[in-house]
């Protein structure tokens, strides 16, 4: 890994986690306290070069950690090269390998960037991810436990700029959407 980008978070994470990303547009990161260390973009993991770049980035992120990590997170899909690498690294380090549903990961990143520990409703429509039922899911509307029904919801993120997506959200959730 030639270099990585460090991003500050508004709140410290409860655990030090290495995340290895998914198949398409792969990027890895190390969540460490109130910082996230991002690898460069590796591209799609369909080429040996991209897979080797991911392996190199993972080792560089582990060196950046400079100590024990608590877990290695990976995509839920069992056949991704990133999943195989995560399981091997977790086994080598004696830590859990944690499968994460693709769209859940996107919502979790937004929560971390916002410093949110409150229950959220999240909409992830970035493409196909393996669902928890073993089928391909094209997107998800996630409502975390503890989220009460609401008459009005605030939308953030890129999709909130789209009038169409705000109307769809309003219809699905039965609530007014504000930005």
Foldseek 3Di string as FASTA:
>chain_A
DPAWDKDFWPFFDPFWEWEFAFFAQTKIWTRGTRMITIDPGLGGPPDPSSLVSSVVRSVVRVVVVVDAGAAYEYAQDCPTSSNVVRVVVCVVRVHYYHHDWPQVVVVVVVCRRHVHPDWDWDKFQPAWTQDPVRDIDRIDTDGDPPDDQDQEEEDDDDCVVDPVVQVVCCVVRVHHYHD
